[in-house]
Each structure stands twice: as structure tokens, then as C-alpha cells.
C-alpha atoms as a PDB file:
ATOM      1  CA  MET A   1      85.810  24.176 -59.930  1.00  0.00           C
ATOM      2  CA  THR A   2      83.516  25.662 -62.553  1.00  0.00           C
ATOM      3  CA  THR A   3      82.714  23.424 -65.507  1.00  0.00           C
ATOM      4  CA  ARG A   4      80.238  25.719 -67.264  1.00  0.00           C
ATOM      5  CA  ALA A   5      81.082  28.570 -69.605  1.00  0.00           C
ATOM      6  CA  VAL A   6      78.909  31.660 -69.642  1.00  0.00           C
ATOM      7  CA  VAL A   7      78.504  34.030 -72.595  1.00  0.00           C
ATOM      8  CA  GLY A   8      81.629  36.158 -72.928  1.00  0.00           C
ATOM      9  CA  ALA A   9      83.891  33.800 -70.944  1.00  0.00           C
ATOM     10  CA  TRP A  10      87.420  33.194 -72.223  1.00  0.00           C
ATOM     11  CA  VAL A  11      87.513  29.529 -73.281  1.00  0.00           C
ATOM     12  CA  GLN A  12      89.333  27.016 -75.452  1.00  0.00           C
ATOM     13  CA  ILE A  13      87.766  24.639 -77.944  1.00  0.00           C
ATOM     14  CA  GLU A  14      89.116  21.852 -80.105  1.00  0.00           C
ATOM     15  CA  GLU A  15      87.997  20.290 -83.359  1.00  0.00           C
ATOM     16  CA  VAL A  16      89.362  17.365 -85.353  1.00  0.00           C
ATOM     17  CA  VAL A  17      90.621  18.751 -88.667  1.00  0.00           C
ATOM     18  CA  LEU A  18      91.843  15.449 -90.125  1.00  0.00           C
ATOM     19  CA  ALA A  19      90.861  12.094 -88.644  1.00  0.00           C
ATOM     20  CA  VAL A  20      93.222   9.136 -88.533  1.00  0.00           C
ATOM     21  CA  GLY A  21      93.529   7.862 -92.110  1.00  0.00           C
ATOM     22  CA  GLU A  22      92.902  11.287 -93.702  1.00  0.00           C
ATOM     23  CA  ARG A  23      96.488  12.522 -93.415  1.00  0.00           C
ATOM     24  CA  ALA A  24      98.700  12.982 -96.477  1.00  0.00           C
ATOM     25  CA  ALA A  25     100.765   9.974 -97.533  1.00  0.00           C
ATOM     26  CA  GLN A  26     104.081  11.769 -96.902  1.00  0.00           C
ATOM     27  CA  VAL A  27     103.270  12.353 -93.226  1.00  0.00           C
ATOM     28  CA  PRO A  28     105.399  10.137 -90.931  1.00  0.00           C
ATOM     29  CA  GLU A  29     103.745   6.864 -89.890  1.00  0.00           C
ATOM     30  CA  ASP A  30     103.554   7.758 -86.194  1.00  0.00           C
ATOM     31  CA  THR A  31     101.859  11.053 -87.065  1.00  0.00           C
ATOM     32  CA  GLN A  32      99.330   9.289 -89.311  1.00  0.00           C
ATOM     33  CA  LYS A  33      98.177   7.292 -86.278  1.00  0.00           C
ATOM     34  CA  VAL A  34      96.730  10.364 -84.529  1.00  0.00           C
ATOM     35  CA  PRO A  35      94.164  12.945 -85.671  1.00  0.00           C
ATOM     36  CA  LEU A  36      95.140  16.508 -86.528  1.00  0.00           C
ATOM     37  CA  ILE A  37      93.439  18.628 -83.869  1.00  0.00           C
ATOM     38  CA  MET A  38      92.839  22.374 -84.016  1.00  0.00           C
ATOM     39  CA  ARG A  39      92.666  24.259 -80.724  1.00  0.00           C
ATOM     40  CA  VAL A  40      91.262  27.780 -80.596  1.00  0.00           C
ATOM     41  CA  LYS A  41      90.848  30.278 -77.766  1.00  0.00           C
ATOM     42  CA  GLY A  42      88.082  32.839 -77.795  1.00  0.00           C
ATOM     43  CA  PHE A  43      85.013  34.248 -76.106  1.00  0.00           C
ATOM     44  CA  ALA A  44      82.027  31.953 -75.613  1.00  0.00           C
ATOM     45  CA  THR A  45      79.004  33.081 -77.612  1.00  0.00           C
ATOM     46  CA  GLU A  46      76.668  30.744 -75.709  1.00  0.00           C
ATOM     47  CA  GLU A  47      76.541  28.891 -72.410  1.00  0.00           C
ATOM     48  CA  ALA A  48      77.989  25.364 -72.424  1.00  0.00           C
ATOM     49  CA  ASP A  49      79.472  22.686 -70.205  1.00  0.00           C
ATOM     50  CA  LEU A  50      82.925  21.203 -70.706  1.00  0.00           C
ATOM     51  CA  GLY A  51      82.665  18.643 -73.514  1.00  0.00           C
ATOM     52  CA  ASP A  52      79.750  20.410 -75.247  1.00  0.00           C
ATOM     53  CA  ASP A  53      80.014  21.886 -78.743  1.00  0.00           C
ATOM     54  CA  ILE A  54      80.183  25.667 -78.576  1.00  0.00           C
ATOM     55  CA  THR A  55      80.904  28.609 -80.860  1.00  0.00           C
ATOM     56  CA  VAL A  56      83.579  31.083 -79.831  1.00  0.00           C
ATOM     57  CA  GLU A  57      84.541  34.469 -81.199  1.00  0.00           C
ATOM     58  CA  THR A  58      88.294  34.875 -81.474  1.00  0.00           C
ATOM     59  CA  ILE A  59      90.215  38.037 -80.662  1.00  0.00           C
ATOM     60  CA  ILE A  60      90.155  38.968 -84.365  1.00  0.00           C
ATOM     61  CA  GLY A  61      86.418  38.339 -84.676  1.00  0.00           C
ATOM     62  CA  ARG A  62      86.336  34.882 -86.319  1.00  0.00           C
ATOM     63  CA  SER A  63      83.561  32.510 -85.283  1.00  0.00           C
ATOM     64  CA  VAL A  64      84.766  28.957 -84.722  1.00  0.00           C
ATOM     65  CA  ARG A  65      82.846  25.929 -83.466  1.00  0.00           C
ATOM     66  CA  GLY A  66      84.284  23.015 -81.512  1.00  0.00           C
ATOM     67  CA  LYS A  67      84.230  21.004 -78.301  1.00  0.00           C
ATOM     68  CA  LEU A  68      84.700  23.080 -75.140  1.00  0.00           C
ATOM     69  CA  ILE A  69      87.866  21.801 -73.447  1.00  0.00           C
ATOM     70  CA  ASP A  70      88.959  24.560 -71.042  1.00  0.00           C
ATOM     71  CA  LEU A  71      87.717  27.595 -69.141  1.00  0.00           C
ATOM     72  CA  ASP A  72      90.092  30.547 -68.654  1.00  0.00           C
ATOM     73  CA  PRO A  73      92.865  28.718 -70.555  1.00  0.00           C
ATOM     74  CA  ALA A  74      96.469  29.655 -69.897  1.00  0.00           C
ATOM     75  CA  TYR A  75      99.143  30.254 -72.503  1.00  0.00           C
ATOM     76  CA  GLU A  76     101.361  27.219 -71.983  1.00  0.00           C
ATOM     77  CA  HIS A  77     103.604  27.243 -75.046  1.00  0.00           C
ATOM     78  CA  ASP A  78     107.337  27.810 -74.934  1.00  0.00           C
ATOM     79  CA  PHE A  79     110.326  27.333 -77.175  1.00  0.00           C
ATOM     80  CA  GLY A  80     111.861  24.491 -75.164  1.00  0.00           C
ATOM     81  CA  ARG A  81     115.276  24.332 -73.553  1.00  0.00           C
ATOM     82  CA  PRO A  82     117.892  26.741 -74.884  1.00  0.00           C
ATOM     83  CA  VAL A  83     120.417  25.414 -77.390  1.00  0.00           C
ATOM     84  CA  VAL A  84     123.680  25.985 -75.540  1.00  0.00           C
ATOM     85  CA  GLU A  85     125.665  26.492 -78.744  1.00  0.00           C
ATOM     86  CA  LEU A  86     123.359  29.350 -79.776  1.00  0.00           C
ATOM     87  CA  ILE A  87     123.230  31.299 -76.521  1.00  0.00           C
ATOM     88  CA  SER A  88     126.289  33.417 -77.320  1.00  0.00           C
ATOM     89  CA  VAL A  89     125.607  33.909 -81.046  1.00  0.00           C
ATOM     90  CA  GLY A  90     123.940  37.324 -80.688  1.00  0.00           C
ATOM     91  CA  ARG A  91     126.772  38.711 -78.570  1.00  0.00           C
ATOM     92  CA  GLU A  92     129.422  37.302 -80.931  1.00  0.00           C
ATOM     93  CA  ALA A  93     127.643  38.719 -83.996  1.00  0.00           C
ATOM     94  CA  ARG A  94     127.455  42.178 -82.402  1.00  0.00           C
ATOM     95  CA  GLN A  95     131.180  42.067 -81.606  1.00  0.00           C
ATOM     96  CA  MET A  96     131.984  41.040 -85.176  1.00  0.00           C
ATOM     97  CA  LEU A  97     129.802  43.799 -86.631  1.00  0.00           C
ATOM     98  CA  GLN A  98     131.319  46.359 -84.273  1.00  0.00           C
ATOM     99  CA  GLY A  99     134.783  45.289 -85.430  1.00  0.00           C
ATOM    100  CA  ILE A 100     133.760  45.753 -89.058  1.00  0.00           C
ATOM    101  CA  LEU A 101     132.277  49.173 -88.331  1.00  0.00           C
ATOM    102  CA  ASN A 102     135.399  50.235 -86.431  1.00  0.00           C
ATOM    103  CA  SER A 103     137.714  49.076 -89.243  1.00  0.00           C
ATOM    104  CA  GLU A 104     135.667  51.031 -91.775  1.00  0.00           C
ATOM    105  CA  GLY A 105     135.745  54.124 -89.610  1.00  0.00           C
ATOM    106  CA  GLY A 106     132.008  53.949 -88.896  1.00  0.00           C
ATOM    107  CA  GLY A 107     132.399  53.652 -85.131  1.00  0.00           C
ATOM    108  CA  GLY A 108     129.120  53.710 -83.283  1.00  0.00           C
ATOM    109  CA  LYS A 109     128.104  51.620 -80.345  1.00  0.00           C
END
């Protein structure tokens, strides 16, 4: 497995934005116990090993510096499990709107 980024490689970096103790007072206690970490994906502008500080250029051209944490990072986000009660909402709303259109003589599909 490669652990070194070359110039132009797609990588991910992270940087601590707020350390423990720097969070706002209204933040929940359990959240205050961990740092706020920024993660950014972009193209390496220099060679570096995992764990090294590196500057990346993002897709929109921003330069950001942070600790190299991943090479060829995947997009791993999702929206979680579906909310069963909401699955049918779109279909039900369309049926209701179609009924309104039909009663007003608008028709349509």
C-alpha cells in the first residue's frame, strides 16, 4: 500500500480548527471534550508521507494546509437509514396535488 503522495495526487488532509477548551460555551458537554476537525480533499501540491503537513489545492482552487490522512480518499458520507414515516410522503403529496388540479379543472399528469 502506498503511503506517499506525489504532486497532483488526490488526497485528504485534516486540521484542528478548535482545540478542546476553545469551543463555545453553548456547545454540549460531550462535544466540548473533542476538537473540531476540518477535513478537506484536494490535489497535493507537494510530495508528502501520511502524517506529514501538506498543502492541497481544492477543486475550486483554494489552497489549504493540514496533516495528510488519506490517499485517493473515497466519498463515504450518506444520509443514514431512511425514516419509514417519510418514505411515502412524496407520492402522497403528488396525489394530493393532482386531486387539487383535477378539481380545479387543471388536469395534467
